[in-house]
Amino acid sequence: MQDISNEGKVYFQEHNCDLYISQGENEAKIVEEIHKIQPDALCARNNKITAAMIDGASTIKVIAKHGVGYDSIDVAHATVLPFNENVVTPRYYLGVFVVTEP
């Protein structure tokens, strides 16, 4: 995973956001980290965000991509509306919000 700038880290800290940069060397390790941490958001620079990564976090609300486009994000999977009457999160009503930051 590619690290973010110090300015970005400061921004997250100033907005009371915990930041975790994955050290996973493959998708399985990253999914394992996501499952353990249960983040509210996934952010990517040059890496892909796959269906397995999205499914790893039941609390996910936002997927953000730094840069242009979102072809590295499994948007179809992120915005699917799975039905589960026992889980009430924004994802189950609206899908996950997918945004890009140029």
N, C-alpha and C. Protein backbone atom coordinates (compact mmCIF):
# COMPACT_ATOMS: atom_id res chain seq x y z
N MET A 1 0.83 -1.18 0.00
CA MET A 1 0.00 0.00 0.00
C MET A 1 0.87 1.24 0.00
N GLN A 2 0.40 2.23 -0.69
CA GLN A 2 1.12 3.48 -0.78
C GLN A 2 0.71 4.39 0.38
N ASP A 3 1.68 4.98 1.05
CA ASP A 3 1.43 5.87 2.17
C ASP A 3 0.83 7.18 1.66
N ILE A 4 0.28 7.96 2.58
CA ILE A 4 -0.26 9.27 2.22
C ILE A 4 0.67 10.35 2.76
N SER A 5 0.47 11.58 2.28
CA SER A 5 1.32 12.69 2.69
C SER A 5 1.12 13.03 4.16
N ASN A 6 2.09 13.70 4.74
CA ASN A 6 1.96 14.14 6.13
C ASN A 6 0.78 15.09 6.29
N GLU A 7 0.52 15.93 5.29
CA GLU A 7 -0.63 16.84 5.35
C GLU A 7 -1.93 16.05 5.46
N GLY A 8 -2.01 14.96 4.72
CA GLY A 8 -3.19 14.11 4.78
C GLY A 8 -3.37 13.48 6.14
N LYS A 9 -2.28 13.03 6.72
CA LYS A 9 -2.33 12.43 8.05
C LYS A 9 -2.79 13.45 9.09
N VAL A 10 -2.27 14.67 8.98
CA VAL A 10 -2.66 15.74 9.91
C VAL A 10 -4.15 16.03 9.76
N TYR A 11 -4.64 16.06 8.51
CA TYR A 11 -6.06 16.33 8.27
C TYR A 11 -6.92 15.29 8.98
N PHE A 12 -6.57 14.02 8.82
CA PHE A 12 -7.34 12.97 9.49
C PHE A 12 -7.31 13.15 11.00
N GLN A 13 -6.15 13.43 11.56
CA GLN A 13 -6.02 13.62 13.00
C GLN A 13 -6.86 14.80 13.48
N GLU A 14 -6.83 15.91 12.74
CA GLU A 14 -7.59 17.10 13.11
C GLU A 14 -9.10 16.85 13.08
N HIS A 15 -9.52 15.86 12.31
CA HIS A 15 -10.94 15.54 12.19
C HIS A 15 -11.31 14.27 12.95
N ASN A 16 -10.47 13.92 13.93
CA ASN A 16 -10.73 12.78 14.82
C ASN A 16 -10.97 11.47 14.09
N CYS A 17 -10.20 11.26 13.03
CA CYS A 17 -10.30 10.01 12.28
C CYS A 17 -9.07 9.17 12.55
N ASP A 18 -9.29 7.91 12.86
CA ASP A 18 -8.19 6.98 13.00
C ASP A 18 -7.75 6.58 11.60
N LEU A 19 -6.46 6.55 11.38
CA LEU A 19 -5.92 6.21 10.07
C LEU A 19 -5.09 4.94 10.20
N TYR A 20 -5.36 3.99 9.35
CA TYR A 20 -4.60 2.75 9.32
C TYR A 20 -4.17 2.51 7.89
N ILE A 21 -2.88 2.40 7.66
CA ILE A 21 -2.34 2.12 6.33
C ILE A 21 -2.00 0.64 6.29
N SER A 22 -2.64 -0.07 5.40
CA SER A 22 -2.44 -1.52 5.32
C SER A 22 -1.01 -1.86 4.94
N GLN A 23 -0.51 -2.89 5.56
CA GLN A 23 0.79 -3.43 5.21
C GLN A 23 0.64 -4.77 4.49
N GLY A 24 -0.59 -5.11 4.16
CA GLY A 24 -0.87 -6.39 3.50
C GLY A 24 -0.21 -6.46 2.14
N GLU A 25 0.43 -7.59 1.88
CA GLU A 25 1.13 -7.73 0.61
C GLU A 25 0.28 -8.36 -0.48
N ASN A 26 -0.91 -8.82 -0.13
CA ASN A 26 -1.82 -9.38 -1.13
C ASN A 26 -3.26 -9.19 -0.66
N GLU A 27 -4.19 -9.48 -1.53
CA GLU A 27 -5.60 -9.25 -1.22
C GLU A 27 -6.05 -9.98 0.04
N ALA A 28 -5.65 -11.22 0.21
CA ALA A 28 -6.07 -12.00 1.38
C ALA A 28 -5.63 -11.34 2.68
N LYS A 29 -4.40 -10.84 2.72
CA LYS A 29 -3.90 -10.18 3.94
C LYS A 29 -4.65 -8.87 4.19
N ILE A 30 -4.92 -8.13 3.13
CA ILE A 30 -5.66 -6.87 3.28
C ILE A 30 -7.07 -7.14 3.77
N VAL A 31 -7.73 -8.15 3.22
CA VAL A 31 -9.08 -8.51 3.66
C VAL A 31 -9.05 -8.91 5.13
N GLU A 32 -8.04 -9.63 5.54
CA GLU A 32 -7.90 -10.03 6.94
C GLU A 32 -7.78 -8.79 7.84
N GLU A 33 -6.99 -7.81 7.42
CA GLU A 33 -6.85 -6.57 8.19
C GLU A 33 -8.18 -5.81 8.27
N ILE A 34 -8.85 -5.71 7.13
CA ILE A 34 -10.14 -5.00 7.08
C ILE A 34 -11.14 -5.68 8.01
N HIS A 35 -11.20 -7.00 7.96
CA HIS A 35 -12.14 -7.74 8.81
C HIS A 35 -11.86 -7.49 10.30
N LYS A 36 -10.58 -7.40 10.65
CA LYS A 36 -10.19 -7.18 12.04
C LYS A 36 -10.50 -5.75 12.49
N ILE A 37 -10.23 -4.78 11.66
CA ILE A 37 -10.38 -3.36 12.03
C ILE A 37 -11.83 -2.88 11.92
N GLN A 38 -12.58 -3.36 10.94
CA GLN A 38 -13.96 -2.92 10.66
C GLN A 38 -14.04 -1.40 10.47
N PRO A 39 -13.41 -0.90 9.41
CA PRO A 39 -13.40 0.55 9.18
C PRO A 39 -14.74 1.07 8.66
N ASP A 40 -14.94 2.38 8.81
CA ASP A 40 -16.10 3.04 8.24
C ASP A 40 -15.85 3.43 6.79
N ALA A 41 -14.58 3.52 6.40
CA ALA A 41 -14.23 3.94 5.05
C ALA A 41 -13.01 3.19 4.55
N LEU A 42 -12.96 3.00 3.24
CA LEU A 42 -11.78 2.47 2.57
C LEU A 42 -11.31 3.55 1.60
N CYS A 43 -10.03 3.84 1.62
CA CYS A 43 -9.45 4.83 0.72
C CYS A 43 -8.32 4.16 -0.05
N ALA A 44 -8.23 4.44 -1.32
CA ALA A 44 -7.18 3.85 -2.14
C ALA A 44 -6.48 4.92 -2.95
N ARG A 45 -5.21 4.69 -3.19
CA ARG A 45 -4.46 5.55 -4.10
C ARG A 45 -4.31 4.80 -5.41
N ASN A 46 -3.36 3.89 -5.48
CA ASN A 46 -3.12 3.15 -6.72
C ASN A 46 -3.61 1.71 -6.63
N ASN A 47 -4.10 1.32 -5.49
CA ASN A 47 -4.51 -0.06 -5.28
C ASN A 47 -5.97 -0.27 -5.65
N LYS A 48 -6.31 -1.52 -5.89
CA LYS A 48 -7.70 -1.88 -6.18
C LYS A 48 -8.46 -2.09 -4.88
N ILE A 49 -9.74 -1.81 -4.93
CA ILE A 49 -10.65 -2.15 -3.84
C ILE A 49 -11.62 -3.17 -4.43
N THR A 50 -11.48 -4.41 -3.96
CA THR A 50 -12.21 -5.53 -4.54
C THR A 50 -13.48 -5.85 -3.74
N ALA A 51 -14.29 -6.71 -4.30
CA ALA A 51 -15.51 -7.15 -3.62
C ALA A 51 -15.17 -7.79 -2.28
N ALA A 52 -14.11 -8.58 -2.23
CA ALA A 52 -13.72 -9.23 -0.97
C ALA A 52 -13.34 -8.20 0.08
N MET A 53 -12.66 -7.13 -0.33
CA MET A 53 -12.30 -6.07 0.61
C MET A 53 -13.55 -5.36 1.13
N ILE A 54 -14.48 -5.08 0.24
CA ILE A 54 -15.72 -4.42 0.63
C ILE A 54 -16.51 -5.30 1.60
N ASP A 55 -16.58 -6.58 1.31
CA ASP A 55 -17.32 -7.51 2.17
C ASP A 55 -16.64 -7.73 3.51
N GLY A 56 -15.35 -7.42 3.59
CA GLY A 56 -14.61 -7.60 4.83
C GLY A 56 -15.04 -6.66 5.94
N ALA A 57 -15.66 -5.56 5.57
CA ALA A 57 -16.06 -4.55 6.56
C ALA A 57 -17.58 -4.37 6.54
N SER A 58 -18.23 -4.86 7.55
CA SER A 58 -19.70 -4.76 7.60
C SER A 58 -20.15 -3.34 7.95
N THR A 59 -19.22 -2.48 8.41
CA THR A 59 -19.57 -1.12 8.82
C THR A 59 -19.25 -0.08 7.76
N ILE A 60 -18.77 -0.49 6.61
CA ILE A 60 -18.29 0.46 5.60
C ILE A 60 -19.40 1.36 5.08
N LYS A 61 -19.09 2.65 4.98
CA LYS A 61 -20.05 3.64 4.50
C LYS A 61 -19.54 4.40 3.28
N VAL A 62 -18.23 4.51 3.16
CA VAL A 62 -17.63 5.29 2.08
C VAL A 62 -16.43 4.55 1.51
N ILE A 63 -16.30 4.62 0.18
CA ILE A 63 -15.09 4.17 -0.49
C ILE A 63 -14.57 5.38 -1.25
N ALA A 64 -13.33 5.76 -0.99
CA ALA A 64 -12.75 6.93 -1.64
C ALA A 64 -11.53 6.52 -2.45
N LYS A 65 -11.39 7.16 -3.58
CA LYS A 65 -10.24 6.92 -4.46
C LYS A 65 -9.52 8.22 -4.67
N HIS A 66 -8.25 8.27 -4.31
CA HIS A 66 -7.44 9.46 -4.56
C HIS A 66 -6.98 9.40 -6.01
N GLY A 67 -7.30 10.41 -6.77
CA GLY A 67 -6.91 10.44 -8.17
C GLY A 67 -8.14 10.47 -9.07
N VAL A 68 -7.89 10.26 -10.33
CA VAL A 68 -8.94 10.37 -11.34
C VAL A 68 -9.55 8.99 -11.61
N GLY A 69 -10.87 8.97 -11.74
CA GLY A 69 -11.56 7.74 -12.10
C GLY A 69 -11.77 6.80 -10.94
N TYR A 70 -12.53 5.75 -11.19
CA TYR A 70 -12.79 4.77 -10.14
C TYR A 70 -12.82 3.37 -10.72
N ASP A 71 -12.06 3.16 -11.80
CA ASP A 71 -12.01 1.84 -12.41
C ASP A 71 -11.29 0.81 -11.56
N SER A 72 -10.59 1.25 -10.52
CA SER A 72 -9.92 0.30 -9.63
C SER A 72 -10.81 -0.12 -8.45
N ILE A 73 -12.05 0.37 -8.45
CA ILE A 73 -13.02 0.03 -7.40
C ILE A 73 -14.11 -0.84 -8.00
N ASP A 74 -14.47 -1.90 -7.32
CA ASP A 74 -15.57 -2.74 -7.77
C ASP A 74 -16.88 -2.01 -7.43
N VAL A 75 -17.22 -1.03 -8.28
CA VAL A 75 -18.38 -0.17 -8.03
C VAL A 75 -19.68 -0.97 -8.04
N ALA A 76 -19.80 -1.91 -8.95
CA ALA A 76 -21.03 -2.72 -9.02
C ALA A 76 -21.26 -3.44 -7.69
N HIS A 77 -20.22 -3.97 -7.11
CA HIS A 77 -20.37 -4.67 -5.83
C HIS A 77 -20.60 -3.69 -4.68
N ALA A 78 -19.93 -2.54 -4.74
CA ALA A 78 -20.05 -1.54 -3.66
C ALA A 78 -21.45 -0.97 -3.58
N THR A 79 -22.13 -0.88 -4.69
CA THR A 79 -23.45 -0.24 -4.71
C THR A 79 -24.61 -1.23 -4.75
N VAL A 80 -24.32 -2.51 -4.67
CA VAL A 80 -25.39 -3.51 -4.65
C VAL A 80 -26.23 -3.34 -3.39
N LEU A 81 -27.47 -3.69 -3.48
CA LEU A 81 -28.37 -3.55 -2.33
C LEU A 81 -28.71 -4.92 -1.77
N PRO A 82 -27.82 -5.50 -0.98
CA PRO A 82 -28.12 -6.81 -0.40
C PRO A 82 -29.25 -6.70 0.61
N PHE A 83 -30.06 -7.72 0.70
CA PHE A 83 -31.17 -7.71 1.65
C PHE A 83 -30.79 -8.53 2.86
N ASN A 84 -30.83 -7.88 3.99
CA ASN A 84 -30.60 -8.56 5.26
C ASN A 84 -31.41 -7.81 6.31
N GLU A 85 -32.53 -8.35 6.71
CA GLU A 85 -33.43 -7.65 7.63
C GLU A 85 -32.84 -7.46 9.02
N ASN A 86 -31.76 -8.20 9.34
CA ASN A 86 -31.14 -8.08 10.66
C ASN A 86 -30.03 -7.04 10.73
N VAL A 87 -29.65 -6.46 9.59
CA VAL A 87 -28.58 -5.47 9.55
C VAL A 87 -29.14 -4.16 9.02
N VAL A 88 -29.00 -3.11 9.79
CA VAL A 88 -29.50 -1.80 9.37
C VAL A 88 -28.30 -0.85 9.30
N THR A 89 -27.76 -0.68 8.10
CA THR A 89 -26.67 0.27 7.87
C THR A 89 -26.99 1.00 6.57
N PRO A 90 -26.35 2.14 6.33
CA PRO A 90 -26.61 2.86 5.08
C PRO A 90 -26.38 1.99 3.84
N ARG A 91 -25.44 1.07 3.90
CA ARG A 91 -25.15 0.23 2.74
C ARG A 91 -26.37 -0.56 2.29
N TYR A 92 -27.17 -0.99 3.23
CA TYR A 92 -28.30 -1.85 2.88
C TYR A 92 -29.47 -1.07 2.31
N TYR A 93 -29.39 0.24 2.38
CA TYR A 93 -30.45 1.06 1.79
C TYR A 93 -29.98 1.82 0.56
N LEU A 94 -28.75 2.31 0.57
CA LEU A 94 -28.28 3.17 -0.49
C LEU A 94 -27.08 2.61 -1.25
N GLY A 95 -26.50 1.55 -0.78
CA GLY A 95 -25.22 1.13 -1.32
C GLY A 95 -24.13 1.94 -0.63
N VAL A 96 -22.91 1.70 -0.99
CA VAL A 96 -21.78 2.44 -0.43
C VAL A 96 -21.53 3.64 -1.32
N PHE A 97 -21.27 4.79 -0.71
CA PHE A 97 -20.94 5.98 -1.48
C PHE A 97 -19.53 5.83 -2.02
N VAL A 98 -19.36 6.00 -3.32
CA VAL A 98 -18.06 5.89 -3.95
C VAL A 98 -17.70 7.28 -4.47
N VAL A 99 -16.57 7.83 -3.99
CA VAL A 99 -16.16 9.18 -4.39
C VAL A 99 -14.72 9.17 -4.85
N THR A 100 -14.38 10.14 -5.69
CA THR A 100 -12.99 10.29 -6.12
C THR A 100 -12.49 11.66 -5.71
N GLU A 101 -11.21 11.74 -5.49
CA GLU A 101 -10.57 13.00 -5.10
C GLU A 101 -9.40 13.23 -6.05
N PRO A 102 -9.51 14.22 -6.94
CA PRO A 102 -8.41 14.45 -7.91
C PRO A 102 -7.18 15.04 -7.24
